[in-house]
C-alpha cells in the first residue's frame, strides 16, 4: 500500500501553527492538517475525508501560502485542511513543453527558480510568501503586469484533484487545447475563477513566458501628512492627478509627454495611509535598460506633484519612505532612484508585513477618481476618531498589457481598468481580555471590541467612496441607474470581501459574484456543475452550481 500523507493532529506541537494562515483573524479547529507532498497524498486525503459520514456538514479546505483574507480556509466548520506548501517545485516539463509550477510554490519560489533556470518570469505578485495555488487561480498580477499582462494570460494547463461524483477523487489535467470541452472549461475556470471552487490544485504549466528587463529603476518616496493637513487641496490633487495620469495613458490623451512615451513598463503603488501614520508613500518600478528611464520617472513625479511648490515656496517636500506601510517595509535606501538587476529589485520589494489581523477590500477603476470619491478618501484618512496608524488605501497602477486581452478569454473579466485599489486595515491583539497576562487569539474571541473599530472604519470608508453606486464598486450595467455614475468595474476575487454579499453594506442590487466575475459567472457555474456538482469545495463566496429549474 502507498504511504499515507502526514496528518498533524491537536496533540502535535505543529498543530497550532498549521491550523491558521497569515491573517491571524482566522483560526480553525480541524481534526487534523494534511501535509501533502504529491497529488497522490491529496487524493488519499480527500478520499478519507469523503468516506467519513461525520464530515457531511463540514468542509475540507486547501492552503498553499496561507494568505486568504477571509475565513475560507480556516473556520469553525472546517474538518480537515490540506496543506500543499511542500509541493513547491518549479521546473521545465519536456512532455508538456511548458514550465511547471507546483501549487505550493510561493511567489519567491517561482520568481527566483524560473528566472535562474530560464531568464523568464511569471508577471505575478510582489508579496514573496503568497502561494501559487491561490494567487494564480484568482488571476495573479504584479509589478510586471502592465508590461506583460496577468499571470493567467500564460497558463497552458492545470492539474486538479476533482471529485465529480462526490466520492471518488481523481487527478485531472486540463489544458487550454484539450479536445474535451469540459476539460477546456476546467482550464478556463482556473484563469481567474478563484481558489477553493472546483478541486485541489496541485500543478500549473505555463508557456511563452516573458523575459523581464535585465535592469529596473526603483524609486520610493514619501510626503509628510503634516504638510497635507495644512494644504488638503494638495493631497486631493495628488490623488486626482495620479488617477488622471493612468487614465490619460490608457486613452492616449493628456499632456504631450504621456502621449509621446510608453509607460507600460512602469508599475506604481500609491500608499494613501491614515493621517496617524505620518507619511503618504509611493513606490515605483520601471524598465531601467532605456536611457530615458530616469527622465520618464521624473516627468511622472512632476505631473502628480504639481503645485507642491511655487517659486521658492515649498509646500510639500519629498522625504524617504522610511517606515512600514501596509505590506511593504521601510525603503529609505530607494529615495534616490536606484538601478538594480530585476531579480535583486524583486527581492528588495518582496515583503508580506508582520503577522497580524487584517480586513481588506478592493476595487477596479476604469477612470481616475471623481471629486466625490476624492473627498471621501480624504475624509476617512483624516478621521481622527480612528486612532490607528496601520491602515491605508493602496492604489496600484493597472492596465497596459492587462487590457489587451478579451474579457472572456480568461475568467478575469476586468480588462479595461487603469487602477486597482486595495483598502487595508491591520491590528493586533492589544487587550488581555481573558486576564491571563498574555495577548493571543483567545482575547479576540472573547472581546469583539478589539476588531470592531477597525472593521467599522474600513467599512465606512469603502461605503462612502462608493456611495453613488450602492456602497460597492459597481460594474457597468445599463439596467441599473447607479451605473450611470460609475467609474468602477467590480472587485478582485483574490482580495475576497465577505461584505460584498451582505445587503447591509451592498445596496447596489449587484450580487458579489457579479462584482468579481461579471458575465463570466455563468460559465463558471457550468464548470462547477460539471466538476463539483456535490459542492464538496465550498466557502463563503464559492462558485455555486446553477439552480435547478
Protein backbone atom coordinates (compact mmCIF):
# COMPACT_ATOMS: atom_id res chain seq x y z
CA UNK A 1 0.00 0.00 0.00
CA UNK A 2 1.23 3.53 -0.73
CA UNK A 3 2.37 5.56 2.25
CA UNK A 4 -0.35 7.72 3.75
CA UNK A 5 0.14 11.50 3.94
CA UNK A 6 1.30 13.07 7.18
CA UNK A 7 -1.52 14.20 9.47
CA UNK A 8 -0.89 16.90 12.08
CA UNK A 9 -3.33 16.46 14.96
CA UNK A 10 -4.12 18.63 18.03
CA UNK A 11 -1.58 16.81 20.22
CA UNK A 12 1.24 17.75 17.80
CA UNK A 13 3.29 20.86 18.61
CA UNK A 14 2.91 21.97 14.98
CA UNK A 15 -0.89 21.97 15.06
CA UNK A 16 -1.41 25.46 16.44
CA UNK A 17 0.76 26.99 13.70
CA UNK A 18 -0.71 24.94 10.87
CA UNK A 19 -4.39 25.48 11.65
CA UNK A 20 -4.07 29.15 10.82
CA UNK A 21 -2.74 31.22 7.94
CA UNK A 22 -1.15 34.63 7.63
CA UNK A 23 -4.22 36.59 8.75
CA UNK A 24 -4.49 35.99 12.48
CA UNK A 25 -8.22 36.74 12.47
CA UNK A 26 -8.98 33.23 11.24
CA UNK A 27 -8.04 30.18 13.29
CA UNK A 28 -9.62 26.77 12.64
CA UNK A 29 -10.08 23.69 14.81
CA UNK A 30 -9.76 20.86 12.28
CA UNK A 31 -9.43 17.22 13.24
CA UNK A 32 -6.03 17.34 11.55
CA UNK A 33 -3.95 19.13 8.91
CA UNK A 34 -2.67 17.03 6.00
CA UNK A 35 0.87 17.82 4.82
CA UNK A 36 0.57 16.76 1.18
CA UNK A 37 3.71 16.17 -0.88
CA UNK A 38 2.06 14.85 -4.05
CA UNK A 39 -1.22 14.59 -5.93
CA UNK A 40 -1.49 11.05 -4.53
CA UNK A 41 -1.41 12.48 -1.00
CA UNK A 42 -4.19 14.89 -1.92
CA UNK A 43 -6.22 12.05 -3.45
CA UNK A 44 -5.82 9.93 -0.33
CA UNK A 45 -6.75 12.81 1.99
CA UNK A 46 -9.87 13.65 0.00
CA UNK A 47 -10.93 10.01 -0.18
CA UNK A 48 -10.58 9.57 3.56
CA UNK A 49 -12.50 12.75 4.36
CA UNK A 50 -15.37 11.99 2.00
CA UNK A 51 -15.76 8.41 3.21
CA UNK A 52 -16.45 9.56 6.78
CA UNK A 53 -20.20 10.26 7.29
CA UNK A 54 -19.34 12.58 10.18
CA UNK A 55 -17.93 15.06 7.64
CA UNK A 56 -21.21 15.54 5.77
CA UNK A 57 -21.70 19.08 7.09
CA UNK A 58 -18.05 20.03 7.46
CA UNK A 59 -15.63 21.38 4.90
CA UNK A 60 -12.26 20.23 3.63
CA UNK A 61 -10.10 23.18 2.60
CA UNK A 62 -6.73 23.80 0.97
CA UNK A 63 -3.82 26.06 1.85
CA UNK A 64 -0.77 26.86 -0.25
CA UNK A 65 0.71 30.12 1.07
CA UNK A 66 -1.99 30.81 3.66
CA UNK A 67 -2.83 34.39 2.63
CA UNK A 68 -6.62 34.07 2.32
CA UNK A 69 -8.14 37.34 3.56
CA UNK A 70 -11.41 35.77 4.75
CA UNK A 71 -12.19 32.57 6.68
CA UNK A 72 -12.48 30.44 3.56
CA UNK A 73 -9.65 28.12 4.65
CA UNK A 74 -9.63 28.45 8.44
CA UNK A 75 -13.04 28.46 10.11
CA UNK A 76 -15.08 26.60 12.71
CA UNK A 77 -16.82 24.39 10.12
CA UNK A 78 -13.53 23.08 8.69
CA UNK A 79 -12.87 19.40 9.42
CA UNK A 80 -9.57 18.98 7.57
CA UNK A 81 -7.05 21.36 5.97
CA UNK A 82 -4.86 20.07 3.14
CA UNK A 83 -1.58 21.96 3.17
CA UNK A 84 0.23 21.77 -0.20
CA UNK A 85 3.12 24.07 0.72
CA UNK A 86 5.61 21.19 0.43
CA UNK A 87 4.68 20.80 -3.24
CA UNK A 88 6.88 23.70 -4.32
CA UNK A 89 8.96 22.54 -7.29
CA UNK A 90 9.50 24.77 -10.33
CA UNK A 91 10.96 23.15 -13.45
CA UNK A 92 10.67 22.72 -17.20
CA UNK A 93 8.44 19.79 -18.16
CA UNK A 94 9.61 18.41 -21.51
CA UNK A 95 6.48 16.28 -22.01
CA UNK A 96 4.28 19.34 -21.62
CA UNK A 97 6.77 21.63 -23.35
CA UNK A 98 5.97 24.09 -20.59
CA UNK A 99 7.26 25.39 -17.28
CA UNK A 100 5.70 23.62 -14.31
CA UNK A 101 4.94 25.46 -11.06
CA UNK A 102 3.56 23.37 -8.23
CA UNK A 103 0.71 24.81 -6.19
CA UNK A 104 2.74 25.17 -3.01
CA UNK A 105 5.47 27.24 -4.61
CA UNK A 106 5.47 30.78 -3.26
CA UNK A 107 5.86 33.87 -5.41
CA UNK A 108 9.53 33.94 -4.47
CA UNK A 109 9.94 30.22 -5.33
CA UNK A 110 8.55 30.76 -8.80
CA UNK A 111 10.32 34.08 -9.36
CA UNK A 112 13.78 33.01 -8.31
CA UNK A 113 13.70 29.49 -9.76
CA UNK A 114 12.15 30.40 -13.10
CA UNK A 115 14.49 33.32 -13.67
CA UNK A 116 17.63 31.42 -12.71
CA UNK A 117 16.52 28.47 -14.82
CA UNK A 118 15.38 30.27 -17.96
CA UNK A 119 15.66 34.06 -17.71
CA UNK A 120 11.86 34.19 -17.75
CA UNK A 121 9.26 35.13 -15.18
CA UNK A 122 5.60 34.99 -14.25
CA UNK A 123 4.14 38.51 -14.07
CA UNK A 124 2.97 37.71 -10.55
CA UNK A 125 2.74 39.31 -7.14
CA UNK A 126 5.42 41.03 -5.10
CA UNK A 127 4.42 39.51 -1.75
CA UNK A 128 7.06 36.76 -1.53
CA UNK A 129 5.19 34.26 0.65
CA UNK A 130 1.89 34.13 -1.23
CA UNK A 131 1.30 30.62 -2.59
CA UNK A 132 0.84 29.89 -6.29
CA UNK A 133 -2.24 27.74 -5.71
CA UNK A 134 -4.47 30.66 -4.83
CA UNK A 135 -2.57 33.52 -6.43
CA UNK A 136 -2.69 32.09 -9.95
CA UNK A 137 -6.22 30.69 -9.82
CA UNK A 138 -7.53 34.16 -8.96
CA UNK A 139 -5.78 35.81 -11.91
CA UNK A 140 -2.47 36.91 -10.45
CA UNK A 141 -0.84 40.27 -11.09
CA UNK A 142 2.28 42.12 -10.06
CA UNK A 143 4.86 44.73 -10.95
CA UNK A 144 5.40 43.30 -14.45
CA UNK A 145 1.72 43.07 -15.35
CA UNK A 146 1.35 46.42 -17.09
CA UNK A 147 4.11 45.35 -19.47
CA UNK A 148 3.27 41.65 -19.83
CA UNK A 149 -0.28 41.05 -18.58
CA UNK A 150 -1.69 38.77 -15.89
CA UNK A 151 -0.18 35.52 -14.70
CA UNK A 152 -3.09 33.54 -16.13
CA UNK A 153 -2.53 35.01 -19.59
CA UNK A 154 0.31 32.46 -19.87
CA UNK A 155 -1.44 29.46 -18.30
CA UNK A 156 -1.35 26.38 -20.55
CA UNK A 157 -2.54 23.63 -18.21
CA UNK A 158 -3.57 22.86 -14.65
CA UNK A 159 -3.63 19.66 -12.60
CA UNK A 160 -6.57 19.42 -10.21
CA UNK A 161 -7.76 16.64 -7.96
CA UNK A 162 -11.50 16.62 -8.65
CA UNK A 163 -14.43 14.74 -7.13
CA UNK A 164 -17.17 14.86 -9.76
CA UNK A 165 -19.18 12.05 -8.16
CA UNK A 166 -18.78 13.45 -4.65
CA UNK A 167 -16.96 10.29 -3.51
CA UNK A 168 -14.03 9.31 -5.71
CA UNK A 169 -11.08 11.71 -6.08
CA UNK A 170 -9.41 11.79 -9.49
CA UNK A 171 -6.26 13.54 -10.72
CA UNK A 172 -7.37 15.61 -13.70
CA UNK A 173 -5.18 17.57 -16.12
CA UNK A 174 -6.98 20.30 -18.07
CA UNK A 175 -5.25 22.05 -20.96
CA UNK A 176 -6.01 25.16 -22.94
CA UNK A 177 -6.11 22.96 -26.04
CA UNK A 178 -7.88 19.94 -24.53
CA UNK A 179 -10.21 18.31 -27.08
CA UNK A 180 -12.85 17.70 -24.39
CA UNK A 181 -14.92 20.90 -23.88
CA UNK A 182 -15.40 20.05 -20.19
CA UNK A 183 -11.63 19.99 -19.70
CA UNK A 184 -11.26 23.29 -21.53
CA UNK A 185 -13.87 24.74 -19.19
CA UNK A 186 -11.93 23.45 -16.19
CA UNK A 187 -8.73 25.05 -17.53
CA UNK A 188 -10.56 28.32 -18.18
CA UNK A 189 -12.08 28.33 -14.69
CA UNK A 190 -8.55 28.39 -13.26
CA UNK A 191 -7.66 31.52 -15.20
CA UNK A 192 -9.32 33.75 -12.60
CA UNK A 193 -12.20 31.76 -11.11
CA UNK A 194 -10.56 31.76 -7.68
CA UNK A 195 -9.38 29.00 -5.39
CA UNK A 196 -11.46 26.51 -3.42
CA UNK A 197 -14.15 26.09 -6.08
CA UNK A 198 -13.57 23.05 -8.32
CA UNK A 199 -10.95 20.82 -6.68
CA UNK A 200 -7.48 20.82 -5.17
CA UNK A 201 -4.93 22.42 -7.49
CA UNK A 202 -1.59 20.62 -7.46
CA UNK A 203 0.31 21.88 -10.53
CA UNK A 204 0.26 24.59 -13.19
CA UNK A 205 2.06 24.73 -16.55
CA UNK A 206 2.97 27.90 -18.45
CA UNK A 207 4.10 28.60 -21.99
CA UNK A 208 5.64 31.62 -23.74
CA UNK A 209 6.63 33.30 -20.50
CA UNK A 210 8.10 36.80 -20.90
CA UNK A 211 11.66 37.90 -20.15
CA UNK A 212 11.76 40.67 -17.54
CA UNK A 213 14.11 43.61 -18.15
CA UNK A 214 17.71 42.94 -17.13
CA UNK A 215 17.69 46.12 -15.01
CA UNK A 216 14.88 48.05 -13.38
CA UNK A 217 14.78 51.54 -11.92
CA UNK A 218 13.30 51.85 -8.44
CA UNK A 219 12.17 54.91 -6.54
CA UNK A 220 10.39 55.11 -3.19
CA UNK A 221 9.29 58.46 -1.84
CA UNK A 222 7.03 59.79 0.90
CA UNK A 223 5.33 63.05 1.81
CA UNK A 224 4.52 64.09 5.37
CA UNK A 225 0.90 64.27 6.38
CA UNK A 226 1.77 67.43 8.31
CA UNK A 227 2.07 69.29 5.03
CA UNK A 228 -1.10 67.78 3.63
CA UNK A 229 -3.01 68.78 6.76
CA UNK A 230 -2.01 72.38 6.08
CA UNK A 231 -2.78 72.01 2.37
CA UNK A 232 -5.58 69.44 1.95
CA UNK A 233 -6.05 70.66 -1.62
CA UNK A 234 -2.60 69.28 -2.46
CA UNK A 235 -3.44 65.86 -1.03
CA UNK A 236 -6.56 65.82 -3.19
CA UNK A 237 -4.52 67.00 -6.17
CA UNK A 238 -2.08 64.10 -5.70
CA UNK A 239 -4.91 61.57 -5.71
CA UNK A 240 -6.66 63.25 -8.63
CA UNK A 241 -3.57 63.61 -10.84
CA UNK A 242 -2.34 60.09 -10.05
CA UNK A 243 -5.61 58.67 -11.38
CA UNK A 244 -5.65 61.08 -14.32
CA UNK A 245 -2.15 60.04 -15.39
CA UNK A 246 -3.11 56.41 -15.91
CA UNK A 247 -6.47 57.31 -17.44
CA UNK A 248 -4.65 59.54 -19.95
CA UNK A 249 -2.08 56.86 -20.62
CA UNK A 250 -4.78 54.30 -21.34
CA UNK A 251 -6.76 56.64 -23.61
CA UNK A 252 -3.78 58.23 -25.38
CA UNK A 253 -4.77 61.68 -24.16
CA UNK A 254 -3.34 64.30 -21.82
CA UNK A 255 0.00 66.12 -21.86
CA UNK A 256 2.44 65.50 -24.70
CA UNK A 257 4.94 63.61 -22.54
CA UNK A 258 2.31 60.98 -21.67
CA UNK A 259 1.26 60.59 -25.31
CA UNK A 260 4.86 60.57 -26.55
CA UNK A 261 6.36 58.00 -24.18
CA UNK A 262 5.42 54.39 -23.50
CA UNK A 263 4.79 53.98 -19.76
CA UNK A 264 3.65 50.36 -19.83
CA UNK A 265 6.94 49.35 -18.24
CA UNK A 266 6.15 51.43 -15.13
CA UNK A 267 4.24 50.00 -12.16
CA UNK A 268 3.42 52.16 -9.16
CA UNK A 269 1.91 51.72 -5.72
CA UNK A 270 0.48 54.85 -4.10
CA UNK A 271 0.09 54.27 -0.36
CA UNK A 272 -2.57 56.63 0.97
CA UNK A 273 -2.13 56.00 4.68
CA UNK A 274 -4.22 57.21 7.57
CA UNK A 275 -3.05 60.55 8.92
CA UNK A 276 -1.77 58.89 12.11
CA UNK A 277 0.88 57.09 10.04
CA UNK A 278 2.59 60.44 9.49
CA UNK A 279 3.50 59.92 5.83
CA UNK A 280 1.96 59.04 2.48
CA UNK A 281 4.16 56.83 0.27
CA UNK A 282 4.82 55.92 -3.34
CA UNK A 283 6.80 53.00 -4.80
CA UNK A 284 7.79 53.00 -8.50
CA UNK A 285 9.41 50.31 -10.63
CA UNK A 286 10.15 50.71 -14.33
CA UNK A 287 12.37 49.24 -17.02
CA UNK A 288 15.86 50.55 -16.32
CA UNK A 289 17.53 49.47 -19.54
CA UNK A 290 16.48 52.50 -21.56
CA UNK A 291 18.46 55.74 -21.47
CA UNK A 292 15.35 57.82 -20.82
CA UNK A 293 14.06 55.85 -17.78
CA UNK A 294 15.12 58.45 -15.22
CA UNK A 295 13.63 61.30 -17.27
CA UNK A 296 10.32 59.48 -17.70
CA UNK A 297 10.22 58.74 -13.98
CA UNK A 298 10.82 62.38 -13.11
CA UNK A 299 8.19 63.56 -15.59
CA UNK A 300 5.64 61.28 -13.91
CA UNK A 301 6.57 62.55 -10.44
CA UNK A 302 6.44 66.17 -11.59
CA UNK A 303 2.97 65.59 -13.02
CA UNK A 304 1.39 64.03 -9.94
CA UNK A 305 3.03 66.53 -7.53
CA UNK A 306 2.20 69.68 -9.48
CA UNK A 307 1.58 72.52 -7.04
CA UNK A 308 3.69 71.05 -4.24
CA UNK A 309 5.99 74.05 -4.68
CA UNK A 310 5.71 77.52 -6.19
CA UNK A 311 8.81 79.53 -6.96
CA UNK A 312 10.94 79.44 -3.82
CA UNK A 313 7.98 78.30 -1.69
CA UNK A 314 7.93 74.55 -0.86
CA UNK A 315 4.59 73.36 0.50
CA UNK A 316 5.08 69.58 0.43
CA UNK A 317 8.62 68.16 0.50
CA UNK A 318 9.80 64.76 -0.70
CA UNK A 319 11.10 62.56 2.12
CA UNK A 320 12.28 58.98 2.41
CA UNK A 321 9.79 56.14 2.69
CA UNK A 322 11.38 55.02 5.94
CA UNK A 323 8.52 53.22 7.72
CA UNK A 324 6.22 50.24 7.31
CA UNK A 325 3.26 50.97 5.03
CA UNK A 326 0.83 48.10 4.71
CA UNK A 327 2.69 45.03 3.46
CA UNK A 328 5.86 46.91 2.49
CA UNK A 329 8.62 47.76 4.93
CA UNK A 330 10.88 50.83 5.03
CA UNK A 331 12.64 51.64 1.75
CA UNK A 332 14.70 54.66 2.64
CA UNK A 333 17.59 53.42 0.51
CA UNK A 334 15.44 53.90 -2.61
CA UNK A 335 14.83 57.62 -2.05
CA UNK A 336 17.42 58.28 -4.74
CA UNK A 337 16.38 56.47 -7.96
CA UNK A 338 18.31 53.21 -7.95
CA UNK A 339 19.05 50.88 -10.85
CA UNK A 340 19.22 47.20 -9.90
CA UNK A 341 19.09 43.82 -11.65
CA UNK A 342 15.46 42.77 -11.91
CA UNK A 343 15.83 39.76 -9.62
CA UNK A 344 17.67 41.83 -7.00
CA UNK A 345 14.99 44.51 -7.15
CA UNK A 346 12.23 41.93 -6.82
CA UNK A 347 13.88 40.57 -3.70
CA UNK A 348 14.22 44.11 -2.32
CA UNK A 349 10.49 44.79 -2.71
CA UNK A 350 9.30 41.34 -1.60
CA UNK A 351 7.56 41.62 1.72
CA UNK A 352 4.44 40.41 3.48
CA UNK A 353 4.45 42.61 6.54
CA UNK A 354 4.22 41.23 10.08
CA UNK A 355 1.66 38.61 11.10
CA UNK A 356 -1.43 40.39 12.39
CA UNK A 357 -5.18 40.60 11.94
CA UNK A 358 -6.49 42.32 8.85
CA UNK A 359 -9.54 43.31 6.83
CA UNK A 360 -9.32 44.12 3.13
CA UNK A 361 -11.49 45.46 0.33
CA UNK A 362 -10.79 46.07 -3.34
CA UNK A 363 -11.94 47.90 -6.46
CA UNK A 364 -11.15 48.26 -10.13
CA UNK A 365 -11.36 51.78 -11.56
CA UNK A 366 -11.76 52.38 -15.29
CA UNK A 367 -11.11 56.11 -14.89
CA UNK A 368 -9.48 58.37 -12.33
CA UNK A 369 -11.30 59.36 -9.16
CA UNK A 370 -14.43 61.51 -9.09
CA UNK A 371 -14.39 64.57 -6.85
CA UNK A 372 -16.87 62.88 -4.52
CA UNK A 373 -14.54 59.88 -4.19
CA UNK A 374 -11.53 62.11 -3.55
CA UNK A 375 -13.40 63.97 -0.83
CA UNK A 376 -14.43 60.67 0.79
CA UNK A 377 -10.85 59.35 0.67
CA UNK A 378 -9.54 62.48 2.35
CA UNK A 379 -12.34 62.49 4.91
CA UNK A 380 -11.69 58.96 6.15
CA UNK A 381 -7.90 59.13 6.03
CA UNK A 382 -8.02 62.23 8.25
CA UNK A 383 -10.66 60.85 10.61
CA UNK A 384 -9.04 61.48 13.99
CA UNK A 385 -11.65 59.42 15.82
CA UNK A 386 -9.92 56.38 14.36
CA UNK A 387 -6.80 56.18 16.49
CA UNK A 388 -4.71 53.77 14.49
CA UNK A 389 -1.81 54.26 12.12
CA UNK A 390 -1.74 50.88 10.38
CA UNK A 391 -4.50 51.50 7.86
CA UNK A 392 -4.39 52.69 4.27
CA UNK A 393 -5.74 52.71 0.75
CA UNK A 394 -3.15 51.36 -1.70
CA UNK A 395 -3.74 52.41 -5.30
CA UNK A 396 -1.86 50.29 -7.83
CA UNK A 397 -1.37 51.35 -11.42
CA UNK A 398 -3.09 48.94 -13.76
CA UNK A 399 -3.99 48.45 -17.40
CA UNK A 400 -1.36 48.29 -20.13
CA UNK A 401 -0.97 44.73 -21.42
CA UNK A 402 -3.65 43.54 -18.98
CA UNK A 403 -6.21 45.37 -21.09
CA UNK A 404 -5.05 43.83 -24.37
CA UNK A 405 -6.90 40.60 -23.56
CA UNK A 406 -10.59 39.98 -24.25
CA UNK A 407 -12.92 39.88 -21.24
CA UNK A 408 -13.96 36.28 -21.97
CA UNK A 409 -10.55 34.87 -22.90
CA UNK A 410 -9.91 34.16 -19.22
CA UNK A 411 -12.18 34.09 -16.20
CA UNK A 412 -10.87 37.56 -15.24
CA UNK A 413 -13.37 39.96 -16.87
CA UNK A 414 -11.83 43.27 -15.77
CA UNK A 415 -9.84 44.18 -18.88
CA UNK A 416 -10.39 47.93 -19.12
CA UNK A 417 -9.27 49.26 -15.72
CA UNK A 418 -6.47 51.76 -15.11
CA UNK A 419 -6.28 51.49 -11.32
CA UNK A 420 -6.58 48.62 -8.86
CA UNK A 421 -7.36 49.57 -5.27
CA UNK A 422 -6.80 47.70 -2.03
CA UNK A 423 -8.29 49.05 1.18
CA UNK A 424 -6.39 47.70 4.19
CA UNK A 425 -6.75 47.80 7.98
CA UNK A 426 -4.41 45.93 10.33
CA UNK A 427 -4.44 45.38 14.06
CA UNK A 428 -3.06 43.14 16.77
CA UNK A 429 -4.42 41.63 20.00
CA UNK A 430 -3.82 44.62 22.24
CA UNK A 431 -6.24 43.72 25.02
CA UNK A 432 -5.75 40.98 27.59
CA UNK A 433 -9.45 40.11 27.60
CA UNK A 434 -9.10 36.82 29.48
CA UNK A 435 -6.73 38.32 32.08
CA UNK A 436 -4.04 35.66 31.72
CA UNK A 437 -1.14 38.06 31.27
CA UNK A 438 -0.57 37.49 27.52
CA UNK A 439 -2.07 38.53 24.18
CA UNK A 440 -3.33 35.77 21.87
CA UNK A 441 -6.27 34.84 19.64
CA UNK A 442 -8.39 33.92 22.66
CA UNK A 443 -8.54 37.60 23.59
CA UNK A 444 -10.06 38.38 20.19
CA UNK A 445 -12.61 35.58 20.61
CA UNK A 446 -13.66 36.92 23.99
CA UNK A 447 -13.60 40.61 23.07
CA UNK A 448 -15.08 41.53 19.65
CA UNK A 449 -14.33 45.13 20.64
CA UNK A 450 -10.70 44.52 19.62
CA UNK A 451 -11.64 44.24 15.94
CA UNK A 452 -14.74 46.45 15.98
CA UNK A 453 -13.20 49.92 15.39
CA UNK A 454 -11.05 48.66 12.52
CA UNK A 455 -13.94 46.90 10.80
CA UNK A 456 -16.16 49.94 11.24
CA UNK A 457 -13.53 52.31 9.83
CA UNK A 458 -12.79 50.30 6.69
CA UNK A 459 -16.48 49.55 6.04
CA UNK A 460 -17.47 53.19 6.46
CA UNK A 461 -14.55 54.28 4.27
CA UNK A 462 -15.38 51.89 1.42
CA UNK A 463 -19.10 52.55 1.58
CA UNK A 464 -18.56 56.30 1.47
CA UNK A 465 -16.20 56.19 -1.53
CA UNK A 466 -18.77 54.17 -3.49
CA UNK A 467 -21.88 55.76 -2.06
CA UNK A 468 -23.24 56.67 -5.50
CA UNK A 469 -23.05 53.04 -6.64
CA UNK A 470 -24.62 51.30 -3.68
CA UNK A 471 -21.61 51.15 -1.37
CA UNK A 472 -19.56 48.94 -3.72
CA UNK A 473 -17.51 49.49 -6.92
CA UNK A 474 -20.38 48.53 -9.21
CA UNK A 475 -19.78 47.08 -12.67
CA UNK A 476 -21.31 48.87 -15.67
CA UNK A 477 -24.88 47.69 -16.16
CA UNK A 478 -27.42 49.62 -18.25
CA UNK A 479 -30.23 48.04 -16.23
CA UNK A 480 -29.07 49.79 -13.06
CA UNK A 481 -29.37 53.56 -12.58
CA UNK A 482 -26.23 53.53 -10.41
CA UNK A 483 -24.14 52.55 -13.41
CA UNK A 484 -24.69 56.00 -14.90
CA UNK A 485 -22.27 57.50 -12.38
CA UNK A 486 -19.86 54.58 -12.12
CA UNK A 487 -16.14 54.73 -12.94
CA UNK A 488 -15.64 51.31 -11.41
CA UNK A 489 -15.62 47.71 -12.60
CA UNK A 490 -16.09 45.47 -9.62
CA UNK A 491 -13.70 43.83 -7.16
CA UNK A 492 -10.76 41.40 -7.20
CA UNK A 493 -11.56 37.81 -6.22
CA UNK A 494 -8.08 37.32 -4.71
CA UNK A 495 -8.88 40.10 -2.24
CA UNK A 496 -12.11 38.46 -1.05
CA UNK A 497 -14.50 40.56 0.96
CA UNK A 498 -17.46 38.78 2.53
CA UNK A 499 -19.23 42.12 2.98
CA UNK A 500 -19.95 42.23 -0.76
CA UNK A 501 -22.66 39.63 -0.16
CA UNK A 502 -24.22 41.49 2.77
CA UNK A 503 -27.17 43.79 1.99
CA UNK A 504 -26.19 45.99 4.91
CA UNK A 505 -23.06 47.03 3.00
CA UNK A 506 -24.02 46.32 -0.63
CA UNK A 507 -27.19 48.08 -1.77
CA UNK A 508 -26.24 48.10 -5.46
CA UNK A 509 -28.50 45.18 -6.45
CA UNK A 510 -25.37 43.59 -7.91
CA UNK A 511 -24.51 40.30 -6.13
CA UNK A 512 -20.96 39.59 -5.03
CA UNK A 513 -20.34 37.22 -7.94
CA UNK A 514 -21.22 39.92 -10.46
CA UNK A 515 -18.68 42.23 -8.86
CA UNK A 516 -15.97 39.57 -9.13
CA UNK A 517 -16.84 37.80 -12.38
CA UNK A 518 -19.40 39.92 -14.26
CA UNK A 519 -20.89 37.86 -17.13
CA UNK A 520 -18.25 35.13 -16.76
CA UNK A 521 -20.07 33.73 -13.74
CA UNK A 522 -22.47 31.71 -15.91
CA UNK A 523 -19.63 29.70 -17.46
CA UNK A 524 -18.04 29.24 -14.02
CA UNK A 525 -21.34 27.82 -12.74
CA UNK A 526 -21.46 25.46 -15.70
CA UNK A 527 -17.94 24.27 -14.85
CA UNK A 528 -18.93 23.83 -11.21
CA UNK A 529 -21.84 21.64 -12.28
CA UNK A 530 -19.50 19.53 -14.43
CA UNK A 531 -16.70 19.05 -11.93
CA UNK A 532 -18.11 19.59 -8.43
CA UNK A 533 -21.91 19.23 -8.57
CA UNK A 534 -21.97 17.98 -4.97
CA UNK A 535 -20.33 21.20 -3.78
CA UNK A 536 -17.50 19.44 -1.96
CA UNK A 537 -15.32 22.51 -2.39
CA UNK A 538 -17.12 25.47 -0.90
CA UNK A 539 -16.70 28.57 1.22
CA UNK A 540 -18.48 31.86 1.91
CA UNK A 541 -18.09 33.09 -1.67
CA UNK A 542 -17.54 29.92 -3.67
CA UNK A 543 -18.98 29.32 -7.12
CA UNK A 544 -22.43 27.77 -6.78
CA UNK A 545 -23.87 25.14 -9.14
CA UNK A 546 -26.73 26.61 -11.19
CA UNK A 547 -30.13 26.29 -9.56
CA UNK A 548 -32.34 23.55 -10.92
CA UNK A 549 -35.33 24.86 -12.80
